[in-house]
Protein backbone atom coordinates (compact mmCIF):
# COMPACT_ATOMS: atom_id res chain seq x y z
CA UNK A 1 11.63 33.12 7.09
CA UNK A 2 10.44 35.64 9.75
CA UNK A 3 7.19 35.89 7.51
CA UNK A 4 6.70 32.32 7.23
CA UNK A 5 6.63 32.31 11.10
CA UNK A 6 4.27 35.21 11.19
CA UNK A 7 2.09 33.77 8.63
CA UNK A 8 1.62 30.28 10.13
CA UNK A 9 1.38 31.75 13.67
CA UNK A 10 -1.50 33.77 13.12
CA UNK A 11 -3.58 30.79 11.26
CA UNK A 12 -6.70 29.49 12.95
CA UNK A 13 -6.45 25.92 13.51
CA UNK A 14 -8.12 23.75 11.05
CA UNK A 15 -10.06 20.38 11.99
CA UNK A 16 -11.64 18.09 9.42
CA UNK A 17 -15.36 18.22 9.30
CA UNK A 18 -15.57 21.82 10.91
CA UNK A 19 -16.36 25.49 8.97
CA UNK A 20 -13.96 27.25 7.10
CA UNK A 21 -12.55 30.15 8.91
CA UNK A 22 -11.37 31.96 5.69
CA UNK A 23 -11.85 31.11 1.80
CA UNK A 24 -9.15 29.54 -0.35
CA UNK A 25 -9.09 32.60 -2.25
CA UNK A 26 -8.41 34.79 0.89
CA UNK A 27 -5.88 32.65 2.04
CA UNK A 28 -4.01 32.40 -1.46
CA UNK A 29 -4.04 36.52 -1.15
CA UNK A 30 -2.80 36.52 2.51
CA UNK A 31 -0.15 33.85 1.82
CA UNK A 32 1.18 35.44 -1.47
CA UNK A 33 1.77 38.79 0.59
CA UNK A 34 4.15 36.62 2.90
CA UNK A 35 5.88 33.97 0.83
CA UNK A 36 8.86 34.50 -1.36
CA UNK A 37 8.28 34.76 -4.80
CA UNK A 38 9.10 31.55 -5.82
CA UNK A 39 7.29 29.73 -3.06
CA UNK A 40 4.00 32.07 -3.91
CA UNK A 41 4.04 30.94 -7.41
CA UNK A 42 3.84 27.29 -6.02
CA UNK A 43 0.52 27.88 -4.68
CA UNK A 44 -1.19 27.32 -8.08
CA UNK A 45 -0.17 23.80 -7.37
CA UNK A 46 -2.07 23.21 -4.29
CA UNK A 47 -5.25 22.28 -5.95
CA UNK A 48 -7.57 19.07 -5.11
CA UNK A 49 -7.71 17.89 -9.04
CA UNK A 50 -4.22 17.07 -10.38
CA UNK A 51 -5.64 17.69 -13.87
CA UNK A 52 -6.04 21.45 -13.21
CA UNK A 53 -2.56 21.75 -11.98
CA UNK A 54 -0.08 23.89 -14.16
CA UNK A 55 2.81 21.66 -15.67
CA UNK A 56 4.93 19.27 -13.47
CA UNK A 57 7.17 21.04 -10.88
CA UNK A 58 10.00 19.98 -9.01
CA UNK A 59 10.78 22.65 -6.84
CA UNK A 60 8.39 21.49 -4.09
CA UNK A 61 8.74 17.48 -2.87
CA UNK A 62 5.48 18.39 -0.79
CA UNK A 63 3.26 19.40 -3.75
CA UNK A 64 5.16 16.60 -5.89
CA UNK A 65 4.11 14.16 -3.68
CA UNK A 66 0.36 15.60 -3.26
CA UNK A 67 -0.15 15.70 -6.67
CA UNK A 68 1.20 11.99 -7.35
CA UNK A 69 -1.30 10.70 -4.46
CA UNK A 70 -4.36 12.36 -5.85
CA UNK A 71 -3.64 11.22 -9.20
CA UNK A 72 -3.14 7.62 -8.17
CA UNK A 73 -6.24 7.97 -6.19
CA UNK A 74 -8.15 9.30 -9.07
CA UNK A 75 -6.91 6.66 -11.76
CA UNK A 76 -7.43 3.72 -9.12
CA UNK A 77 -11.11 4.86 -8.60
CA UNK A 78 -11.88 4.83 -12.22
CA UNK A 79 -10.10 1.29 -12.44
CA UNK A 80 -12.20 0.08 -9.88
CA UNK A 81 -15.50 1.59 -11.24
CA UNK A 82 -14.79 0.16 -14.53
CA UNK A 83 -14.17 -3.43 -13.19
CA UNK A 84 -17.30 -2.73 -11.20
CA UNK A 85 -19.41 -1.98 -14.41
CA UNK A 86 -17.81 -4.65 -16.30
CA UNK A 87 -16.12 -2.15 -18.94
CA UNK A 88 -12.56 -1.95 -19.97
CA UNK A 89 -10.33 0.76 -18.75
CA UNK A 90 -7.12 1.90 -20.97
CA UNK A 91 -4.90 3.43 -17.96
CA UNK A 92 -3.01 1.41 -15.86
CA UNK A 93 -4.04 2.20 -12.28
CA UNK A 94 -0.95 2.75 -10.19
CA UNK A 95 -0.36 0.47 -7.14
CA UNK A 96 1.49 3.02 -5.65
CA UNK A 97 1.02 4.75 -3.35
CA UNK A 98 -0.51 1.84 -1.85
CA UNK A 99 -2.70 3.84 0.46
CA UNK A 100 -4.43 5.98 -2.51
CA UNK A 101 -5.12 2.39 -4.03
CA UNK A 102 -6.79 1.04 -0.75
CA UNK A 103 -8.76 4.32 -0.23
CA UNK A 104 -10.15 3.99 -3.84
CA UNK A 105 -10.97 0.23 -3.22
CA UNK A 106 -12.42 1.09 0.26
CA UNK A 107 -14.34 4.01 -0.82
CA UNK A 108 -15.96 1.99 -3.80
CA UNK A 109 -17.17 -0.49 -1.30
CA UNK A 110 -19.32 1.83 0.43
CA UNK A 111 -22.99 1.80 -0.18
CA UNK A 112 -23.78 5.58 0.13
CA UNK A 113 -21.98 7.70 -2.23
CA UNK A 114 -21.70 10.70 0.33
CA UNK A 115 -20.23 8.64 2.72
CA UNK A 116 -17.57 7.42 0.12
CA UNK A 117 -16.98 11.13 -0.81
CA UNK A 118 -16.65 11.79 3.22
CA UNK A 119 -14.09 8.96 3.60
CA UNK A 120 -11.95 10.12 0.62
CA UNK A 121 -11.42 13.80 1.95
CA UNK A 122 -10.77 12.20 5.33
CA UNK A 123 -8.15 10.23 3.54
CA UNK A 124 -7.04 12.94 1.60
CA UNK A 125 -6.80 14.93 5.02
CA UNK A 126 -4.47 12.41 6.33
CA UNK A 127 -2.17 12.24 3.47
CA UNK A 128 -1.47 16.14 3.78
CA UNK A 129 -0.83 15.86 7.14
CA UNK A 130 1.63 12.91 6.94
CA UNK A 131 3.29 14.83 3.85
CA UNK A 132 3.60 18.09 5.52
CA UNK A 133 6.38 17.02 7.71
CA UNK A 134 7.72 18.09 11.16
CA UNK A 135 8.82 21.48 10.11
CA UNK A 136 6.22 23.91 11.64
CA UNK A 137 7.16 27.24 9.96
CA UNK A 138 7.69 26.41 6.38
CA UNK A 139 6.49 26.70 2.90
CA UNK A 140 4.90 23.18 3.49
CA UNK A 141 2.77 23.88 6.33
CA UNK A 142 1.29 26.71 4.06
CA UNK A 143 0.98 24.47 1.25
CA UNK A 144 -1.21 22.14 3.52
CA UNK A 145 -3.09 24.57 5.00
CA UNK A 146 -4.53 25.73 1.41
CA UNK A 147 -5.04 22.20 0.84
CA UNK A 148 -7.21 21.70 3.63
CA UNK A 149 -9.13 24.61 3.49
CA UNK A 150 -9.96 23.65 -0.21
CA UNK A 151 -11.15 19.96 1.48
CA UNK A 152 -13.11 21.96 4.06
CA UNK A 153 -14.74 24.21 1.38
CA UNK A 154 -15.38 20.82 -0.31
CA UNK A 155 -16.82 19.14 2.50
CA UNK A 156 -19.31 22.10 3.05
CA UNK A 157 -20.51 21.72 -0.45
CA UNK A 158 -21.75 18.42 0.16
CA UNK A 159 -23.89 19.72 3.29
CA UNK A 160 -25.16 22.34 1.13
CA UNK A 161 -26.34 19.34 -1.22
CA UNK A 162 -27.56 17.35 1.58
CA UNK A 163 -29.63 19.84 3.04
CA UNK A 164 -31.18 20.54 -0.60
CA UNK A 165 -31.64 17.03 -1.12
CA UNK A 166 -33.82 16.97 2.29
CA UNK A 167 -35.67 20.55 0.92
CA UNK A 168 -36.63 18.42 -1.95
CA UNK A 169 -37.84 15.84 -0.38
CA UNK A 170 -40.07 17.76 2.53
CA UNK A 171 -41.07 19.69 -0.51
CA UNK A 172 -42.30 16.55 -2.48
CA UNK A 173 -44.04 15.52 0.85
CA UNK A 174 -45.90 18.64 1.34
CA UNK A 175 -47.03 18.67 -2.57
CA UNK A 176 -48.13 15.13 -2.34
CA UNK A 177 -50.18 15.76 0.76
CA UNK A 178 -52.00 18.71 -0.65
CA UNK A 179 -55.35 18.04 -1.92
CA UNK A 180 -55.69 18.24 -5.81
CA UNK A 181 -57.59 21.07 -6.69
CA UNK A 182 -60.76 21.56 -9.07
CA UNK A 183 -58.62 22.80 -11.99
CA UNK A 184 -59.12 19.59 -14.07
CA UNK A 185 -56.66 17.65 -11.70
CA UNK A 186 -59.69 15.48 -10.41
CA UNK A 187 -61.44 15.13 -7.22
CA UNK A 188 -60.56 12.58 -4.41
CA UNK A 189 -62.94 10.15 -3.68
CA UNK A 190 -63.12 9.89 0.54
CA UNK A 191 -64.19 6.08 -0.15
CA UNK A 192 -61.26 4.68 -2.04
CA UNK A 193 -58.52 7.46 -1.91
CA UNK A 194 -57.96 7.56 -5.69
CA UNK A 195 -58.22 10.42 -7.86
CA UNK A 196 -61.30 10.40 -10.08
């Protein structure tokens, strides 16, 4: 267990919404060097999408709870979206964990999809912290750290998309402000402001 202490003690503190101190891939490699073989194998279960996780495992209560919570969140999101669109949803949306259902409902009531995604990721962050427990130098702390890194990487992608959307807006306004060329696009009438 001294290697777990060494691993966790050297990790930079993570804060939701801040930058990523290392990639999730680099952290997986680092953690794999310090964890016992059986614990390192469970790093494959540290995913944001439960559908991409390997077959269910019972060797980690923390990861089992995380995957159950995320699956419940996604099913509730699908259920509430279907209701909103007045479509049938064939699967029963689980009411447990209650906070997963509540997070889904709250997110879908938001006007901005980006705001809803940030809200959901913050809810995920809080759940990860509540599941990791009080033991500081154990495998759950390592799994929680990896999941948080994945959330921060996801959060960074949203900012990049936001920046690209802003770029497109600025680019479109520049193109709309540019005078039309004489290459068959028409000339601008100074009196009416319309192309002729």
